[in-house]
Amino acid sequence: MATITAELQATIKEIVCDILELEEDEVTDSSLFIEDHGADSLRAIEILASLEKEFKITIEQSELSEMVNLEKVYQVVAEAPSR
């Protein structure tokens, strides 16, 4: 899924904000989920699972530590192999 379109970014942001129970204008591409938004590891796993389901991709558990903000999530989704 090499490229991340604006539409795809919007969908990813929507999923992340939904799980973190935040308004979309509260989250920037570089704001940190844990430090800035109080997310915990359970929410990170929820985000990962939702992204896998939504885009029919496989994201390794080891990628969780990389997924600290939207920029990194876009990158992980872009590099994830399709199922």
PDB file of N, CA and C in Angstrom:
ATOM      1  N   MET A   1       0.830  -1.200   0.000  1.00  0.00           N
ATOM      2  CA  MET A   1       0.000   0.000   0.000  1.00  0.00           C
ATOM      3  C   MET A   1       0.866   1.252   0.000  1.00  0.00           C
ATOM      4  N   ALA A   2       1.912   1.284  -0.716  1.00  0.00           N
ATOM      5  CA  ALA A   2       2.986   2.276  -0.676  1.00  0.00           C
ATOM      6  C   ALA A   2       2.624   3.750  -0.490  1.00  0.00           C
ATOM      7  N   THR A   3       1.558   4.239  -1.102  1.00  0.00           N
ATOM      8  CA  THR A   3       1.273   5.672  -0.960  1.00  0.00           C
ATOM      9  C   THR A   3       0.092   5.930  -0.033  1.00  0.00           C
ATOM     10  N   ILE A   4       0.211   6.997   0.696  1.00  0.00           N
ATOM     11  CA  ILE A   4      -0.850   7.402   1.616  1.00  0.00           C
ATOM     12  C   ILE A   4      -1.487   8.666   1.044  1.00  0.00           C
ATOM     13  N   THR A   5      -2.698   8.540   0.563  1.00  0.00           N
ATOM     14  CA  THR A   5      -3.413   9.682  -0.001  1.00  0.00           C
ATOM     15  C   THR A   5      -4.020  10.510   1.128  1.00  0.00           C
ATOM     16  N   ALA A   6      -4.448  11.703   0.800  1.00  0.00           N
ATOM     17  CA  ALA A   6      -5.097  12.573   1.790  1.00  0.00           C
ATOM     18  C   ALA A   6      -6.359  11.893   2.328  1.00  0.00           C
ATOM     19  N   GLU A   7      -7.055  11.186   1.443  1.00  0.00           N
ATOM     20  CA  GLU A   7      -8.273  10.472   1.832  1.00  0.00           C
ATOM     21  C   GLU A   7      -7.946   9.366   2.839  1.00  0.00           C
ATOM     22  N   LEU A   8      -6.865   8.660   2.558  1.00  0.00           N
ATOM     23  CA  LEU A   8      -6.414   7.585   3.443  1.00  0.00           C
ATOM     24  C   LEU A   8      -5.982   8.159   4.792  1.00  0.00           C
ATOM     25  N   GLN A   9      -5.261   9.269   4.756  1.00  0.00           N
ATOM     26  CA  GLN A   9      -4.841   9.925   6.000  1.00  0.00           C
ATOM     27  C   GLN A   9      -6.052  10.320   6.826  1.00  0.00           C
ATOM     28  N   ALA A  10      -7.085  10.834   6.164  1.00  0.00           N
ATOM     29  CA  ALA A  10      -8.295  11.253   6.869  1.00  0.00           C
ATOM     30  C   ALA A  10      -8.970  10.065   7.540  1.00  0.00           C
ATOM     31  N   THR A  11      -9.009   8.923   6.853  1.00  0.00           N
ATOM     32  CA  THR A  11      -9.613   7.711   7.411  1.00  0.00           C
ATOM     33  C   THR A  11      -8.817   7.226   8.613  1.00  0.00           C
ATOM     34  N   ILE A  12      -7.490   7.221   8.487  1.00  0.00           N
ATOM     35  CA  ILE A  12      -6.623   6.789   9.589  1.00  0.00           C
ATOM     36  C   ILE A  12      -6.826   7.712  10.792  1.00  0.00           C
ATOM     37  N   LYS A  13      -6.856   9.013  10.548  1.00  0.00           N
ATOM     38  CA  LYS A  13      -7.029   9.983  11.632  1.00  0.00           C
ATOM     39  C   LYS A  13      -8.371   9.779  12.325  1.00  0.00           C
ATOM     40  N   GLU A  14      -9.396   9.509  11.530  1.00  0.00           N
ATOM     41  CA  GLU A  14     -10.736   9.269  12.070  1.00  0.00           C
ATOM     42  C   GLU A  14     -10.728   8.053  13.001  1.00  0.00           C
ATOM     43  N   ILE A  15     -10.082   6.979  12.570  1.00  0.00           N
ATOM     44  CA  ILE A  15      -9.990   5.750  13.373  1.00  0.00           C
ATOM     45  C   ILE A  15      -9.252   6.044  14.686  1.00  0.00           C
ATOM     46  N   VAL A  16      -8.106   6.702  14.575  1.00  0.00           N
ATOM     47  CA  VAL A  16      -7.286   7.002  15.750  1.00  0.00           C
ATOM     48  C   VAL A  16      -8.050   7.890  16.733  1.00  0.00           C
ATOM     49  N   CYS A  17      -8.676   8.939  16.230  1.00  0.00           N
ATOM     50  CA  CYS A  17      -9.411   9.867  17.099  1.00  0.00           C
ATOM     51  C   CYS A  17     -10.596   9.177  17.765  1.00  0.00           C
ATOM     52  N   ASP A  18     -11.253   8.302  17.018  1.00  0.00           N
ATOM     53  CA  ASP A  18     -12.380   7.548  17.553  1.00  0.00           C
ATOM     54  C   ASP A  18     -11.935   6.688  18.735  1.00  0.00           C
ATOM     55  N   ILE A  19     -10.845   5.972  18.559  1.00  0.00           N
ATOM     56  CA  ILE A  19     -10.341   5.083  19.610  1.00  0.00           C
ATOM     57  C   ILE A  19      -9.806   5.873  20.806  1.00  0.00           C
ATOM     58  N   LEU A  20      -9.136   6.981  20.531  1.00  0.00           N
ATOM     59  CA  LEU A  20      -8.579   7.796  21.621  1.00  0.00           C
ATOM     60  C   LEU A  20      -9.628   8.730  22.233  1.00  0.00           C
ATOM     61  N   GLU A  21     -10.839   8.698  21.660  1.00  0.00           N
ATOM     62  CA  GLU A  21     -11.934   9.559  22.131  1.00  0.00           C
ATOM     63  C   GLU A  21     -11.532  11.027  22.142  1.00  0.00           C
ATOM     64  N   LEU A  22     -10.986  11.462  21.008  1.00  0.00           N
ATOM     65  CA  LEU A  22     -10.552  12.847  20.848  1.00  0.00           C
ATOM     66  C   LEU A  22     -11.231  13.460  19.634  1.00  0.00           C
ATOM     67  N   GLU A  23     -11.353  14.782  19.646  1.00  0.00           N
ATOM     68  CA  GLU A  23     -11.839  15.492  18.468  1.00  0.00           C
ATOM     69  C   GLU A  23     -10.689  15.547  17.468  1.00  0.00           C
ATOM     70  N   GLU A  24     -11.029  15.517  16.173  1.00  0.00           N
ATOM     71  CA  GLU A  24      -9.974  15.508  15.157  1.00  0.00           C
ATOM     72  C   GLU A  24      -9.079  16.738  15.205  1.00  0.00           C
ATOM     73  N   ASP A  25      -9.631  17.884  15.644  1.00  0.00           N
ATOM     74  CA  ASP A  25      -8.792  19.085  15.705  1.00  0.00           C
ATOM     75  C   ASP A  25      -7.844  19.092  16.903  1.00  0.00           C
ATOM     76  N   GLU A  26      -7.993  18.113  17.800  1.00  0.00           N
ATOM     77  CA  GLU A  26      -7.091  18.003  18.949  1.00  0.00           C
ATOM     78  C   GLU A  26      -5.808  17.250  18.593  1.00  0.00           C
ATOM     79  N   VAL A  27      -5.848  16.503  17.507  1.00  0.00           N
ATOM     80  CA  VAL A  27      -4.724  15.637  17.132  1.00  0.00           C
ATOM     81  C   VAL A  27      -4.048  16.181  15.884  1.00  0.00           C
ATOM     82  N   THR A  28      -2.734  16.413  15.984  1.00  0.00           N
ATOM     83  CA  THR A  28      -1.969  16.820  14.802  1.00  0.00           C
ATOM     84  C   THR A  28      -1.164  15.616  14.334  1.00  0.00           C
ATOM     85  N   ASP A  29      -0.572  15.732  13.147  1.00  0.00           N
ATOM     86  CA  ASP A  29       0.219  14.617  12.622  1.00  0.00           C
ATOM     87  C   ASP A  29       1.396  14.263  13.523  1.00  0.00           C
ATOM     88  N   SER A  30       1.890  15.263  14.273  1.00  0.00           N
ATOM     89  CA  SER A  30       3.076  15.013  15.092  1.00  0.00           C
ATOM     90  C   SER A  30       2.795  14.942  16.596  1.00  0.00           C
ATOM     91  N   SER A  31       1.544  15.187  17.017  1.00  0.00           N
ATOM     92  CA  SER A  31       1.277  15.088  18.462  1.00  0.00           C
ATOM     93  C   SER A  31       1.363  13.623  18.898  1.00  0.00           C
ATOM     94  N   LEU A  32       1.926  13.413  20.071  1.00  0.00           N
ATOM     95  CA  LEU A  32       2.208  12.054  20.545  1.00  0.00           C
ATOM     96  C   LEU A  32       0.998  11.478  21.288  1.00  0.00           C
ATOM     97  N   PHE A  33       0.608  10.271  20.902  1.00  0.00           N
ATOM     98  CA  PHE A  33      -0.581   9.641  21.472  1.00  0.00           C
ATOM     99  C   PHE A  33      -0.488   9.496  22.992  1.00  0.00           C
ATOM    100  N   ILE A  34       0.640   8.997  23.469  1.00  0.00           N
ATOM    101  CA  ILE A  34       0.780   8.734  24.904  1.00  0.00           C
ATOM    102  C   ILE A  34       1.049  10.025  25.675  1.00  0.00           C
ATOM    103  N   GLU A  35       2.100  10.749  25.275  1.00  0.00           N
ATOM    104  CA  GLU A  35       2.517  11.943  26.007  1.00  0.00           C
ATOM    105  C   GLU A  35       1.497  13.075  25.920  1.00  0.00           C
ATOM    106  N   ASP A  36       0.977  13.330  24.722  1.00  0.00           N
ATOM    107  CA  ASP A  36       0.077  14.471  24.533  1.00  0.00           C
ATOM    108  C   ASP A  36      -1.396  14.142  24.757  1.00  0.00           C
ATOM    109  N   HIS A  37      -1.761  12.884  24.544  1.00  0.00           N
ATOM    110  CA  HIS A  37      -3.185  12.528  24.575  1.00  0.00           C
ATOM    111  C   HIS A  37      -3.547  11.460  25.607  1.00  0.00           C
ATOM    112  N   GLY A  38      -2.575  11.013  26.394  1.00  0.00           N
ATOM    113  CA  GLY A  38      -2.862  10.078  27.474  1.00  0.00           C
ATOM    114  C   GLY A  38      -3.299   8.684  27.043  1.00  0.00           C
ATOM    115  N   ALA A  39      -2.928   8.292  25.839  1.00  0.00           N
ATOM    116  CA  ALA A  39      -3.289   6.952  25.355  1.00  0.00           C
ATOM    117  C   ALA A  39      -2.505   5.894  26.125  1.00  0.00           C
ATOM    118  N   ASP A  40      -3.064   4.689  26.217  1.00  0.00           N
ATOM    119  CA  ASP A  40      -2.319   3.597  26.842  1.00  0.00           C
ATOM    120  C   ASP A  40      -2.079   2.489  25.807  1.00  0.00           C
ATOM    121  N   SER A  41      -1.361   1.462  26.212  1.00  0.00           N
ATOM    122  CA  SER A  41      -0.986   0.405  25.269  1.00  0.00           C
ATOM    123  C   SER A  41      -2.201  -0.351  24.740  1.00  0.00           C
ATOM    124  N   LEU A  42      -3.246  -0.439  25.538  1.00  0.00           N
ATOM    125  CA  LEU A  42      -4.451  -1.117  25.083  1.00  0.00           C
ATOM    126  C   LEU A  42      -5.072  -0.365  23.900  1.00  0.00           C
ATOM    127  N   ARG A  43      -5.081   0.958  23.988  1.00  0.00           N
ATOM    128  CA  ARG A  43      -5.603   1.767  22.879  1.00  0.00           C
ATOM    129  C   ARG A  43      -4.724   1.608  21.638  1.00  0.00           C
ATOM    130  N   ALA A  44      -3.429   1.501  21.840  1.00  0.00           N
ATOM    131  CA  ALA A  44      -2.519   1.307  20.707  1.00  0.00           C
ATOM    132  C   ALA A  44      -2.841  -0.001  19.983  1.00  0.00           C
ATOM    133  N   ILE A  45      -3.118  -1.034  20.742  1.00  0.00           N
ATOM    134  CA  ILE A  45      -3.476  -2.327  20.157  1.00  0.00           C
ATOM    135  C   ILE A  45      -4.813  -2.221  19.417  1.00  0.00           C
ATOM    136  N   GLU A  46      -5.754  -1.478  19.998  1.00  0.00           N
ATOM    137  CA  GLU A  46      -7.044  -1.250  19.335  1.00  0.00           C
ATOM    138  C   GLU A  46      -6.859  -0.533  18.002  1.00  0.00           C
ATOM    139  N   ILE A  47      -5.986   0.467  17.994  1.00  0.00           N
ATOM    140  CA  ILE A  47      -5.701   1.216  16.760  1.00  0.00           C
ATOM    141  C   ILE A  47      -5.130   0.265  15.716  1.00  0.00           C
ATOM    142  N   LEU A  48      -4.146  -0.525  16.120  1.00  0.00           N
ATOM    143  CA  LEU A  48      -3.515  -1.469  15.208  1.00  0.00           C
ATOM    144  C   LEU A  48      -4.556  -2.427  14.622  1.00  0.00           C
ATOM    145  N   ALA A  49      -5.380  -3.007  15.462  1.00  0.00           N
ATOM    146  CA  ALA A  49      -6.395  -3.970  15.018  1.00  0.00           C
ATOM    147  C   ALA A  49      -7.401  -3.310  14.071  1.00  0.00           C
ATOM    148  N   SER A  50      -7.809  -2.090  14.389  1.00  0.00           N
ATOM    149  CA  SER A  50      -8.769  -1.381  13.539  1.00  0.00           C
ATOM    150  C   SER A  50      -8.183  -1.066  12.165  1.00  0.00           C
ATOM    151  N   LEU A  51      -6.917  -0.669  12.149  1.00  0.00           N
ATOM    152  CA  LEU A  51      -6.252  -0.366  10.870  1.00  0.00           C
ATOM    153  C   LEU A  51      -6.127  -1.631  10.021  1.00  0.00           C
ATOM    154  N   GLU A  52      -5.776  -2.736  10.663  1.00  0.00           N
ATOM    155  CA  GLU A  52      -5.660  -4.010   9.939  1.00  0.00           C
ATOM    156  C   GLU A  52      -7.000  -4.390   9.304  1.00  0.00           C
ATOM    157  N   LYS A  53      -8.053  -4.251  10.084  1.00  0.00           N
ATOM    158  CA  LYS A  53      -9.392  -4.614   9.613  1.00  0.00           C
ATOM    159  C   LYS A  53      -9.850  -3.687   8.489  1.00  0.00           C
ATOM    160  N   GLU A  54      -9.689  -2.389   8.704  1.00  0.00           N
ATOM    161  CA  GLU A  54     -10.142  -1.375   7.741  1.00  0.00           C
ATOM    162  C   GLU A  54      -9.451  -1.514   6.385  1.00  0.00           C
ATOM    163  N   PHE A  55      -8.125  -1.718   6.407  1.00  0.00           N
ATOM    164  CA  PHE A  55      -7.347  -1.700   5.170  1.00  0.00           C
ATOM    165  C   PHE A  55      -6.908  -3.083   4.699  1.00  0.00           C
ATOM    166  N   LYS A  56      -7.332  -4.128   5.420  1.00  0.00           N
ATOM    167  CA  LYS A  56      -6.967  -5.507   5.073  1.00  0.00           C
ATOM    168  C   LYS A  56      -5.459  -5.658   4.893  1.00  0.00           C
ATOM    169  N   ILE A  57      -4.752  -5.208   5.933  1.00  0.00           N
ATOM    170  CA  ILE A  57      -3.290  -5.286   5.951  1.00  0.00           C
ATOM    171  C   ILE A  57      -2.861  -6.040   7.209  1.00  0.00           C
ATOM    172  N   THR A  58      -1.586  -6.379   7.269  1.00  0.00           N
ATOM    173  CA  THR A  58      -1.029  -7.023   8.451  1.00  0.00           C
ATOM    174  C   THR A  58       0.032  -6.103   9.034  1.00  0.00           C
ATOM    175  N   ILE A  59      -0.136  -5.760  10.303  1.00  0.00           N
ATOM    176  CA  ILE A  59       0.841  -4.916  10.993  1.00  0.00           C
ATOM    177  C   ILE A  59       1.445  -5.755  12.116  1.00  0.00           C
ATOM    178  N   GLU A  60       2.756  -5.880  12.105  1.00  0.00           N
ATOM    179  CA  GLU A  60       3.443  -6.662  13.129  1.00  0.00           C
ATOM    180  C   GLU A  60       3.308  -5.983  14.495  1.00  0.00           C
ATOM    181  N   GLN A  61       3.188  -6.792  15.545  1.00  0.00           N
ATOM    182  CA  GLN A  61       3.115  -6.248  16.912  1.00  0.00           C
ATOM    183  C   GLN A  61       4.329  -5.364  17.217  1.00  0.00           C
ATOM    184  N   SER A  62       5.471  -5.703  16.640  1.00  0.00           N
ATOM    185  CA  SER A  62       6.692  -4.929  16.886  1.00  0.00           C
ATOM    186  C   SER A  62       6.576  -3.493  16.376  1.00  0.00           C
ATOM    187  N   GLU A  63       5.645  -3.256  15.455  1.00  0.00           N
ATOM    188  CA  GLU A  63       5.444  -1.907  14.915  1.00  0.00           C
ATOM    189  C   GLU A  63       4.739  -0.992  15.926  1.00  0.00           C
ATOM    190  N   LEU A  64       4.101  -1.597  16.929  1.00  0.00           N
ATOM    191  CA  LEU A  64       3.355  -0.799  17.917  1.00  0.00           C
ATOM    192  C   LEU A  64       4.205   0.303  18.527  1.00  0.00           C
ATOM    193  N   SER A  65       5.440  -0.022  18.869  1.00  0.00           N
ATOM    194  CA  SER A  65       6.312   0.971  19.514  1.00  0.00           C
ATOM    195  C   SER A  65       6.655   2.118  18.566  1.00  0.00           C
ATOM    196  N   GLU A  66       6.519   1.884  17.257  1.00  0.00           N
ATOM    197  CA  GLU A  66       6.782   2.927  16.265  1.00  0.00           C
ATOM    198  C   GLU A  66       5.585   3.868  16.116  1.00  0.00           C
ATOM    199  N   MET A  67       4.398   3.372  16.418  1.00  0.00           N
ATOM    200  CA  MET A  67       3.170   4.108  16.135  1.00  0.00           C
ATOM    201  C   MET A  67       2.861   5.123  17.232  1.00  0.00           C
ATOM    202  N   VAL A  68       3.717   6.130  17.355  1.00  0.00           N
ATOM    203  CA  VAL A  68       3.608   7.108  18.448  1.00  0.00           C
ATOM    204  C   VAL A  68       2.756   8.329  18.081  1.00  0.00           C
ATOM    205  N   ASN A  69       2.615   8.575  16.770  1.00  0.00           N
ATOM    206  CA  ASN A  69       1.801   9.707  16.306  1.00  0.00           C
ATOM    207  C   ASN A  69       1.266   9.387  14.911  1.00  0.00           C
ATOM    208  N   LEU A  70       0.443  10.272  14.381  1.00  0.00           N
ATOM    209  CA  LEU A  70      -0.178  10.009  13.076  1.00  0.00           C
ATOM    210  C   LEU A  70       0.849   9.842  11.962  1.00  0.00           C
ATOM    211  N   GLU A  71       1.899  10.656  11.961  1.00  0.00           N
ATOM    212  CA  GLU A  71       2.933  10.534  10.921  1.00  0.00           C
ATOM    213  C   GLU A  71       3.475   9.107  10.865  1.00  0.00           C
ATOM    214  N   LYS A  72       3.785   8.563  12.041  1.00  0.00           N
ATOM    215  CA  LYS A  72       4.334   7.202  12.105  1.00  0.00           C
ATOM    216  C   LYS A  72       3.287   6.153  11.716  1.00  0.00           C
ATOM    217  N   VAL A  73       2.041   6.397  12.095  1.00  0.00           N
ATOM    218  CA  VAL A  73       0.971   5.461  11.732  1.00  0.00           C
ATOM    219  C   VAL A  73       0.811   5.437  10.212  1.00  0.00           C
ATOM    220  N   TYR A  74       0.848   6.609   9.568  1.00  0.00           N
ATOM    221  CA  TYR A  74       0.759   6.659   8.107  1.00  0.00           C
ATOM    222  C   TYR A  74       1.875   5.825   7.490  1.00  0.00           C
ATOM    223  N   GLN A  75       3.075   5.971   8.036  1.00  0.00           N
ATOM    224  CA  GLN A  75       4.247   5.256   7.532  1.00  0.00           C
ATOM    225  C   GLN A  75       4.081   3.749   7.692  1.00  0.00           C
ATOM    226  N   VAL A  76       3.636   3.324   8.868  1.00  0.00           N
ATOM    227  CA  VAL A  76       3.449   1.891   9.142  1.00  0.00           C
ATOM    228  C   VAL A  76       2.381   1.318   8.207  1.00  0.00           C
ATOM    229  N   VAL A  77       1.276   2.038   8.027  1.00  0.00           N
ATOM    230  CA  VAL A  77       0.213   1.566   7.137  1.00  0.00           C
ATOM    231  C   VAL A  77       0.724   1.484   5.704  1.00  0.00           C
ATOM    232  N   ALA A  78       1.492   2.487   5.283  1.00  0.00           N
ATOM    233  CA  ALA A  78       2.031   2.506   3.913  1.00  0.00           C
ATOM    234  C   ALA A  78       2.941   1.313   3.646  1.00  0.00           C
ATOM    235  N   GLU A  79       3.689   0.893   4.669  1.00  0.00           N
ATOM    236  CA  GLU A  79       4.657  -0.190   4.494  1.00  0.00           C
ATOM    237  C   GLU A  79       4.080  -1.571   4.786  1.00  0.00           C
ATOM    238  N   ALA A  80       2.872  -1.609   5.326  1.00  0.00           N
ATOM    239  CA  ALA A  80       2.280  -2.894   5.729  1.00  0.00           C
ATOM    240  C   ALA A  80       1.872  -3.716   4.507  1.00  0.00           C
ATOM    241  N   PRO A  81       2.168  -5.018   4.548  1.00  0.00           N
ATOM    242  CA  PRO A  81       1.759  -5.884   3.430  1.00  0.00           C
ATOM    243  C   PRO A  81       0.255  -6.138   3.447  1.00  0.00           C
ATOM    244  N   SER A  82      -0.337  -6.180   2.272  1.00  0.00           N
ATOM    245  CA  SER A  82      -1.757  -6.527   2.176  1.00  0.00           C
ATOM    246  C   SER A  82      -1.940  -7.995   2.469  1.00  0.00           C
ATOM    247  N   ARG A  83      -3.136  -8.336   2.986  1.00  0.00           N
ATOM    248  CA  ARG A  83      -3.421  -9.743   3.264  1.00  0.00           C
ATOM    249  C   ARG A  83      -3.886 -10.433   2.021  1.00  0.00           C
TER     250      ARG A  83
END
